[in-house]
Amino acid sequence: MKQSRFKLGTSSLTVAAFVGPGTVLTCATAGIDFGYALGWVLLFSVGATFVLQSFTAGAGIWSRLGMGEALRVYTERSPTRWIVSALVILGLWAGTAAFETGNIAGAVAGVSSLTGGLLPRSVLVLLIGLFAATALSLQLQMVIKLLAGLVTLMSTVFLVTVILAPVDWQAAIQGLMIPRIPDGSLVRTIALVGTTVVTYNLFLHGSAAKKYWAHEDPQFAWRRELTGMAIFLPLGGIISVAILLAGATLEVEAVESVAAIAPVIRPAGGPFAEILFGVGLFAAGITSAVTAPLAAACGVREIFGWPDNTKHPGFRVVWISVLLTGMVFALFGRNPLEIIIAAQAANGLLLPFIAVFVLFLAVRQKTITLPHWYLGLGILVTLICAGLGGRTLIWVWGQLS
């Protein structure tokens, strides 16, 4: 088997997937509303992403199975197979649909901030939905790469902003190192987790790693994949932290619209800050609006064992249903900012359930024996996510009562 020393795996794809409009707006508003206090959530989330995605990538490399395929294989003779599969499909579909709502709402908000609300929201939702459907049908990779480049530009602007902005570094370090949840920040906390530990990335990563390393020695591939994850995932975390820190330097009483966040990059963007923010948010929304339905369709395809063909009727039904659901909720939702944060929080609540299945598959696979301490780390991550989610549900119930 050939071994290329320049290969670093597929984790860069998952980083590109989680730096969407939800990351930008959730991190920015967390900084604006709560200062530096929630920085620790992002550090925890990046660590949790590394642990959980290393399990799914490992299944792809060692067992040559994506997460959906592994679930089908390891539960084939179990009487609870269909119940387990149905729960995973529901969680995956619901998670991607929630993300899709935020993606479309973010793209709409980006265009609206550029045009001053010239076009009605309904028209923008329809146009963005049509573009995403066209990209998914025709696989317009060049266009998607161009938009991803614009997202990278906006991320770079945020990094430069942190260097130029008046960041209180002592308070920032305390926020990164000392876990605390200020009053009123519980939903934002779970939203920060949900926008970083992206549930559909757990499916996407395993499938991508399986194909990427198909002709390499598994031991070599595993080391390279972990090396790539150790490089790219922290980069994604640095961008998220930079957005939060930049938000903490913006002095506003309340954020009621997406346009109110644009001045956060003024230290680096200058008079073009609003334009850069709008273009970057639009590009992030469009690229993620294509990725989320595709990830859902790939995961469901693996669980049912459908052919690896994007033209398969079932495959198309899944991504179309996710896209249409996102369009409907983005159309009838009130404030795009509220929609996006709610979508990230919903994914944070779903995360513990998906994480349990990831751990189940890691334990069931027999190709490689994972250290007990590493499995314990996965259990700890799952319990913390479940604790945050449970506390959030209790808070929501209290609000409803």
Protein backbone atom coordinates (compact mmCIF):
# COMPACT_ATOMS: atom_id res chain seq x y z
CA MET A 1 0.00 0.00 0.00
CA LYS A 2 1.26 3.46 -0.87
CA GLN A 3 1.81 5.91 1.94
CA SER A 4 1.88 9.64 1.30
CA ARG A 5 3.53 11.62 4.06
CA PHE A 6 1.62 14.71 2.96
CA LYS A 7 -1.82 13.26 3.69
CA LEU A 8 -3.51 14.63 6.81
CA GLY A 9 -6.95 13.09 6.53
CA THR A 10 -10.45 14.44 6.23
CA SER A 11 -10.95 16.53 9.37
CA SER A 12 -10.50 19.78 7.42
CA LEU A 13 -13.84 19.00 5.76
CA THR A 14 -15.62 18.76 9.09
CA VAL A 15 -14.09 22.04 10.27
CA ALA A 16 -15.38 23.73 7.13
CA ALA A 17 -18.80 22.26 7.88
CA PHE A 18 -19.04 23.59 11.44
CA VAL A 19 -17.87 27.14 10.64
CA GLY A 20 -21.28 28.22 9.37
CA PRO A 21 -23.60 31.14 10.12
CA GLY A 22 -24.61 29.47 13.37
CA THR A 23 -21.01 29.52 14.60
CA VAL A 24 -20.53 33.16 13.62
CA LEU A 25 -23.74 34.50 15.13
CA THR A 26 -23.89 32.25 18.21
CA CYS A 27 -20.27 32.95 19.19
CA ALA A 28 -20.55 36.67 18.45
CA THR A 29 -23.75 37.14 20.47
CA ALA A 30 -22.33 35.03 23.32
CA GLY A 31 -19.43 37.48 23.51
CA ILE A 32 -21.68 40.54 23.20
CA ASP A 33 -24.17 39.37 25.86
CA PHE A 34 -21.89 37.57 28.34
CA GLY A 35 -18.43 38.91 27.65
CA TYR A 36 -15.62 36.38 27.93
CA ALA A 37 -17.42 34.12 30.42
CA LEU A 38 -18.40 31.36 27.96
CA GLY A 39 -15.01 30.89 26.32
CA TRP A 40 -14.51 27.64 28.24
CA VAL A 41 -17.55 26.14 26.48
CA LEU A 42 -15.75 26.41 23.14
CA LEU A 43 -12.59 24.76 24.51
CA PHE A 44 -14.67 21.89 25.90
CA SER A 45 -16.61 21.60 22.63
CA VAL A 46 -13.47 21.34 20.50
CA GLY A 47 -12.12 18.62 22.80
CA ALA A 48 -15.46 16.80 22.66
CA THR A 49 -15.43 17.08 18.85
CA PHE A 50 -11.96 15.51 18.74
CA VAL A 51 -12.93 12.57 20.96
CA LEU A 52 -16.25 11.72 19.32
CA GLN A 53 -15.08 12.23 15.74
CA SER A 54 -11.98 10.14 16.37
CA PHE A 55 -14.33 7.24 17.15
CA THR A 56 -16.28 7.65 13.89
CA ALA A 57 -13.13 8.25 11.82
CA GLY A 58 -11.60 5.15 13.39
CA ALA A 59 -14.61 3.08 12.33
CA GLY A 60 -14.15 4.35 8.78
CA ILE A 61 -10.42 3.54 8.70
CA TRP A 62 -10.23 0.27 10.61
CA SER A 63 -13.58 -1.33 9.88
CA ARG A 64 -14.10 0.36 6.48
CA LEU A 65 -17.54 1.37 7.70
CA GLY A 66 -19.25 4.73 7.90
CA MET A 67 -21.23 5.38 11.07
CA GLY A 68 -24.53 4.41 9.44
CA GLU A 69 -23.01 1.23 7.97
CA ALA A 70 -21.46 0.31 11.32
CA LEU A 71 -24.81 0.74 13.04
CA ARG A 72 -26.47 -1.55 10.47
CA VAL A 73 -23.73 -4.20 10.72
CA TYR A 74 -23.39 -4.29 14.52
CA THR A 75 -27.15 -4.38 15.19
CA GLU A 76 -28.00 -6.78 12.34
CA ARG A 77 -28.97 -9.65 14.63
CA SER A 78 -30.31 -7.53 17.46
CA PRO A 79 -34.08 -7.56 18.15
CA THR A 80 -33.89 -3.81 18.76
CA ARG A 81 -32.23 -3.09 15.40
CA TRP A 82 -35.14 -1.21 13.87
CA ILE A 83 -35.83 0.76 17.03
CA VAL A 84 -32.20 1.83 17.28
CA SER A 85 -32.01 2.65 13.57
CA ALA A 86 -35.24 4.64 13.72
CA LEU A 87 -33.98 6.69 16.68
CA VAL A 88 -30.68 7.44 14.95
CA ILE A 89 -32.40 8.37 11.67
CA LEU A 90 -34.83 10.63 13.54
CA GLY A 91 -32.00 12.29 15.47
CA LEU A 92 -29.87 12.73 12.36
CA TRP A 93 -32.75 14.07 10.28
CA ALA A 94 -34.00 16.40 13.01
CA GLY A 95 -30.48 17.67 13.70
CA THR A 96 -29.71 18.43 10.07
CA ALA A 97 -33.14 20.00 9.55
CA ALA A 98 -32.55 22.31 12.52
CA PHE A 99 -29.12 23.22 11.17
CA GLU A 100 -30.63 23.78 7.71
CA THR A 101 -33.10 26.25 9.18
CA GLY A 102 -30.23 28.23 10.69
CA ASN A 103 -28.15 27.96 7.52
CA ILE A 104 -30.87 29.38 5.30
CA ALA A 105 -31.78 32.05 7.83
CA GLY A 106 -28.12 33.04 8.05
CA ALA A 107 -27.75 33.29 4.27
CA VAL A 108 -30.94 35.38 4.11
CA ALA A 109 -29.65 37.67 6.86
CA GLY A 110 -26.36 38.11 5.00
CA VAL A 111 -28.11 39.16 1.79
CA SER A 112 -30.54 41.41 3.68
CA SER A 113 -27.69 43.24 5.40
CA LEU A 114 -26.07 43.83 2.00
CA THR A 115 -29.24 44.98 0.23
CA GLY A 116 -30.85 46.85 3.11
CA GLY A 117 -33.88 44.57 2.99
CA LEU A 118 -34.59 45.40 -0.65
CA LEU A 119 -35.91 41.91 -1.45
CA PRO A 120 -38.69 40.28 0.61
CA ARG A 121 -37.61 37.52 2.94
CA SER A 122 -39.83 34.98 1.20
CA VAL A 123 -38.09 35.64 -2.12
CA LEU A 124 -34.64 35.27 -0.55
CA VAL A 125 -35.57 31.98 1.14
CA LEU A 126 -36.86 30.65 -2.19
CA LEU A 127 -33.77 31.75 -4.14
CA ILE A 128 -31.34 30.31 -1.58
CA GLY A 129 -33.31 27.05 -1.44
CA LEU A 130 -33.23 26.79 -5.24
CA PHE A 131 -29.48 27.42 -5.29
CA ALA A 132 -28.87 24.73 -2.66
CA ALA A 133 -31.09 22.27 -4.55
CA THR A 134 -29.25 22.99 -7.80
CA ALA A 135 -25.86 22.54 -6.14
CA LEU A 136 -26.97 19.24 -4.61
CA SER A 137 -28.41 17.97 -7.89
CA LEU A 138 -25.57 19.05 -10.19
CA GLN A 139 -22.72 18.84 -7.66
CA LEU A 140 -21.42 22.35 -8.35
CA GLN A 141 -18.13 21.83 -6.53
CA MET A 142 -16.36 24.87 -8.01
CA VAL A 143 -19.08 27.24 -6.79
CA ILE A 144 -19.04 25.66 -3.33
CA LYS A 145 -15.25 26.00 -3.16
CA LEU A 146 -15.53 29.69 -4.10
CA LEU A 147 -18.07 30.29 -1.34
CA ALA A 148 -15.89 28.35 1.12
CA GLY A 149 -13.07 30.74 0.22
CA LEU A 150 -15.29 33.68 1.18
CA VAL A 151 -16.00 32.01 4.53
CA THR A 152 -12.25 31.64 5.04
CA LEU A 153 -11.82 35.34 4.28
CA MET A 154 -14.38 36.30 6.92
CA SER A 155 -12.73 33.95 9.44
CA THR A 156 -9.38 35.63 8.74
CA VAL A 157 -10.97 39.02 9.31
CA PHE A 158 -12.19 37.86 12.73
CA LEU A 159 -8.69 36.66 13.64
CA VAL A 160 -7.18 40.00 12.63
CA THR A 161 -9.95 41.78 14.55
CA VAL A 162 -8.95 40.03 17.77
CA ILE A 163 -5.37 41.24 17.30
CA LEU A 164 -6.45 44.84 16.69
CA ALA A 165 -9.45 45.08 19.04
CA PRO A 166 -9.14 46.11 22.72
CA VAL A 167 -9.47 42.60 24.14
CA ASP A 168 -9.14 42.30 27.92
CA TRP A 169 -6.78 39.34 27.78
CA GLN A 170 -6.78 38.68 31.52
CA ALA A 171 -10.57 38.37 31.54
CA ALA A 172 -10.45 36.37 28.29
CA ILE A 173 -8.03 33.80 29.77
CA GLN A 174 -10.21 33.48 32.87
CA GLY A 175 -13.25 32.89 30.66
CA LEU A 176 -11.39 30.17 28.76
CA MET A 177 -10.03 28.44 31.87
CA ILE A 178 -12.79 28.79 34.51
CA PRO A 179 -16.10 27.02 33.77
CA ARG A 180 -19.15 29.03 34.81
CA ILE A 181 -22.63 29.67 33.46
CA PRO A 182 -23.78 33.26 34.08
CA ASP A 183 -27.45 33.95 34.71
CA GLY A 184 -29.43 33.80 31.50
CA SER A 185 -26.69 32.06 29.50
CA LEU A 186 -27.86 28.44 29.71
CA VAL A 187 -29.45 28.26 26.26
CA ARG A 188 -26.46 30.08 24.76
CA THR A 189 -24.14 27.56 26.44
CA ILE A 190 -25.85 24.55 24.88
CA ALA A 191 -26.01 26.46 21.57
CA LEU A 192 -22.22 26.91 21.62
CA VAL A 193 -21.84 23.16 22.15
CA GLY A 194 -24.33 22.43 19.38
CA THR A 195 -22.65 24.71 16.86
CA THR A 196 -19.21 23.10 17.45
CA VAL A 197 -19.92 19.40 18.04
CA VAL A 198 -22.05 19.13 14.90
CA THR A 199 -24.09 15.92 15.02
CA TYR A 200 -24.12 15.30 11.28
CA ASN A 201 -20.33 15.69 11.14
CA LEU A 202 -20.08 12.45 13.11
CA PHE A 203 -21.67 10.67 10.16
CA LEU A 204 -19.84 12.73 7.55
CA HIS A 205 -16.37 12.16 9.05
CA GLY A 206 -16.58 8.38 9.17
CA SER A 207 -17.75 8.11 5.57
CA ALA A 208 -15.12 10.57 4.34
CA ALA A 209 -12.30 8.80 6.20
CA LYS A 210 -13.37 5.41 4.80
CA LYS A 211 -13.10 6.67 1.20
CA TYR A 212 -10.03 8.86 1.72
CA TRP A 213 -7.89 6.08 3.24
CA ALA A 214 -9.31 3.18 1.17
CA HIS A 215 -5.90 2.28 -0.33
CA GLU A 216 -3.66 3.02 2.67
CA ASP A 217 -2.40 0.88 5.53
CA PRO A 218 -4.94 1.32 8.39
CA GLN A 219 -2.25 1.87 11.05
CA PHE A 220 -0.59 4.60 8.98
CA ALA A 221 -3.97 6.10 8.06
CA TRP A 222 -5.10 6.20 11.71
CA ARG A 223 -1.97 8.06 12.81
CA ARG A 224 -2.30 10.56 9.95
CA GLU A 225 -5.99 11.12 10.60
CA LEU A 226 -5.33 11.88 14.26
CA THR A 227 -2.49 14.22 13.26
CA GLY A 228 -4.80 16.06 10.88
CA MET A 229 -7.47 16.32 13.56
CA ALA A 230 -4.92 17.70 16.01
CA ILE A 231 -4.11 20.43 13.46
CA PHE A 232 -7.46 21.35 11.89
CA LEU A 233 -9.92 21.01 14.78
CA PRO A 234 -7.99 23.48 17.00
CA LEU A 235 -7.92 25.89 14.03
CA GLY A 236 -11.70 25.75 13.90
CA GLY A 237 -11.78 26.30 17.65
CA ILE A 238 -9.45 29.31 17.36
CA ILE A 239 -11.80 30.88 14.81
CA SER A 240 -14.80 30.31 17.12
CA VAL A 241 -12.94 31.76 20.12
CA ALA A 242 -11.81 34.73 18.02
CA ILE A 243 -15.44 35.46 17.09
CA LEU A 244 -16.51 35.30 20.75
CA LEU A 245 -13.65 37.53 21.89
CA ALA A 246 -14.37 40.02 19.11
CA GLY A 247 -18.02 40.07 20.19
CA ALA A 248 -17.00 40.78 23.78
CA THR A 249 -15.31 44.00 22.65
CA LEU A 250 -18.46 45.36 20.97
CA GLU A 251 -20.32 47.69 23.31
CA VAL A 252 -24.03 47.48 22.56
CA GLU A 253 -26.96 47.29 24.97
CA ALA A 254 -28.87 44.58 23.12
CA VAL A 255 -28.55 42.68 19.86
CA GLU A 256 -31.90 42.50 18.10
CA SER A 257 -30.78 41.87 14.52
CA VAL A 258 -27.96 40.31 12.53
CA ALA A 259 -26.97 43.71 11.13
CA ALA A 260 -26.16 44.90 14.66
CA ILE A 261 -23.33 42.36 14.85
CA ALA A 262 -21.50 43.52 11.70
CA PRO A 263 -19.56 46.32 13.48
CA VAL A 264 -17.76 43.63 15.50
CA ILE A 265 -15.20 43.26 12.67
CA ARG A 266 -14.74 47.00 12.12
CA PRO A 267 -11.20 47.00 13.65
CA ALA A 268 -10.04 44.82 10.74
CA GLY A 269 -12.67 45.52 8.09
CA GLY A 270 -12.82 49.29 8.51
CA PRO A 271 -15.46 50.90 6.25
CA PHE A 272 -15.97 47.55 4.50
CA ALA A 273 -16.90 45.72 7.72
CA GLU A 274 -20.62 45.51 6.98
CA ILE A 275 -19.99 44.33 3.41
CA LEU A 276 -17.46 41.67 4.48
CA PHE A 277 -19.78 40.47 7.22
CA GLY A 278 -22.78 40.24 4.90
CA VAL A 279 -20.87 38.45 2.14
CA GLY A 280 -19.19 36.05 4.59
CA LEU A 281 -22.47 35.25 6.35
CA PHE A 282 -24.19 34.61 3.02
CA ALA A 283 -21.36 32.33 1.85
CA ALA A 284 -21.29 30.45 5.17
CA GLY A 285 -25.05 29.95 5.01
CA ILE A 286 -25.04 28.69 1.41
CA THR A 287 -22.15 26.24 1.85
CA SER A 288 -23.66 24.82 5.03
CA ALA A 289 -27.11 24.71 3.41
CA VAL A 290 -25.63 22.27 0.88
CA THR A 291 -23.61 20.24 3.41
CA ALA A 292 -26.38 19.53 5.94
CA PRO A 293 -28.91 17.81 3.60
CA LEU A 294 -26.08 15.88 1.95
CA ALA A 295 -24.83 14.59 5.31
CA ALA A 296 -28.33 13.49 6.29
CA ALA A 297 -28.82 11.64 3.00
CA CYS A 298 -25.42 9.91 3.30
CA GLY A 299 -26.13 8.77 6.86
CA VAL A 300 -29.59 7.41 6.08
CA ARG A 301 -28.24 5.71 2.93
CA GLU A 302 -25.65 3.85 5.00
CA ILE A 303 -28.20 2.74 7.59
CA PHE A 304 -30.55 1.31 4.95
CA GLY A 305 -27.74 -0.05 2.80
CA TRP A 306 -28.77 1.84 -0.32
CA PRO A 307 -26.36 1.94 -3.29
CA ASP A 308 -23.66 4.61 -3.23
CA ASN A 309 -25.53 6.65 -5.82
CA THR A 310 -26.66 10.24 -5.35
CA LYS A 311 -29.49 9.64 -7.84
CA HIS A 312 -31.08 6.91 -5.71
CA PRO A 313 -34.75 7.89 -4.98
CA GLY A 314 -34.38 7.42 -1.22
CA PHE A 315 -31.19 9.50 -1.15
CA ARG A 316 -32.96 12.34 -2.96
CA VAL A 317 -36.05 12.14 -0.74
CA VAL A 318 -33.91 12.61 2.38
CA TRP A 319 -31.94 15.67 1.24
CA ILE A 320 -35.00 17.28 -0.34
CA SER A 321 -37.04 16.82 2.86
CA VAL A 322 -34.25 18.35 4.98
CA LEU A 323 -33.90 21.30 2.59
CA LEU A 324 -37.66 21.95 2.41
CA THR A 325 -38.04 21.72 6.19
CA GLY A 326 -35.26 24.26 6.65
CA MET A 327 -36.87 26.57 4.11
CA VAL A 328 -40.30 26.39 5.77
CA PHE A 329 -39.00 27.15 9.27
CA ALA A 330 -36.70 29.90 7.98
CA LEU A 331 -39.65 31.43 6.12
CA PHE A 332 -42.11 31.48 8.99
CA GLY A 333 -39.67 32.14 11.81
CA ARG A 334 -39.57 35.63 13.27
CA ASN A 335 -36.06 36.90 13.92
CA PRO A 336 -33.25 35.16 11.97
CA LEU A 337 -30.94 35.61 14.95
CA GLU A 338 -33.38 33.81 17.26
CA ILE A 339 -33.88 31.04 14.68
CA ILE A 340 -30.15 30.41 14.33
CA ILE A 341 -29.43 30.30 18.06
CA ALA A 342 -32.46 28.05 18.64
CA ALA A 343 -31.22 25.70 15.89
CA GLN A 344 -27.80 25.38 17.53
CA ALA A 345 -29.44 24.77 20.92
CA ALA A 346 -31.66 22.05 19.42
CA ASN A 347 -28.57 20.29 18.08
CA GLY A 348 -26.92 20.60 21.47
CA LEU A 349 -29.92 18.84 23.01
CA LEU A 350 -29.76 16.05 20.41
CA LEU A 351 -26.02 15.57 20.81
CA PRO A 352 -26.04 13.26 23.90
CA PHE A 353 -28.29 10.76 22.09
CA ILE A 354 -26.06 10.63 19.01
CA ALA A 355 -22.96 10.47 21.25
CA VAL A 356 -24.36 7.38 22.98
CA PHE A 357 -24.60 5.62 19.61
CA VAL A 358 -21.05 6.68 18.75
CA LEU A 359 -19.81 5.10 21.98
CA PHE A 360 -21.90 1.99 21.36
CA LEU A 361 -20.29 1.51 17.96
CA ALA A 362 -16.81 2.17 19.36
CA VAL A 363 -17.28 -0.57 21.95
CA ARG A 364 -18.86 -3.06 19.54
CA GLN A 365 -16.16 -2.86 16.85
CA LYS A 366 -13.48 -5.56 17.21
CA THR A 367 -10.91 -4.37 14.67
CA ILE A 368 -8.87 -2.36 17.16
CA THR A 369 -8.90 -2.35 20.95
CA LEU A 370 -9.36 1.19 22.20
CA PRO A 371 -7.77 2.05 25.57
CA HIS A 372 -10.19 2.05 28.50
CA TRP A 373 -9.16 5.58 29.45
CA TYR A 374 -10.10 6.83 25.98
CA LEU A 375 -13.50 5.18 26.11
CA GLY A 376 -13.87 6.70 29.57
CA LEU A 377 -13.11 10.10 28.07
CA GLY A 378 -15.90 9.56 25.54
CA ILE A 379 -18.29 8.63 28.35
CA LEU A 380 -17.30 11.76 30.29
CA VAL A 381 -17.91 13.98 27.24
CA THR A 382 -21.32 12.37 26.72
CA LEU A 383 -22.29 12.82 30.37
CA ILE A 384 -21.30 16.50 30.37
CA CYS A 385 -23.31 17.12 27.20
CA ALA A 386 -26.25 15.24 28.71
CA GLY A 387 -25.96 17.28 31.93
CA LEU A 388 -26.01 20.58 30.04
CA GLY A 389 -28.91 19.37 27.90
CA GLY A 390 -30.87 18.15 30.92
CA ARG A 391 -30.34 21.40 32.76
CA THR A 392 -31.53 23.29 29.70
CA LEU A 393 -34.69 21.19 29.45
CA ILE A 394 -35.43 21.81 33.12
CA TRP A 395 -35.00 25.55 32.52
CA VAL A 396 -37.31 25.45 29.49
CA TRP A 397 -39.92 23.55 31.48
CA GLY A 398 -39.71 26.17 34.21
CA GLN A 399 -40.23 28.94 31.67
CA LEU A 400 -43.28 27.16 30.21
CA SER A 401 -44.70 26.56 33.69
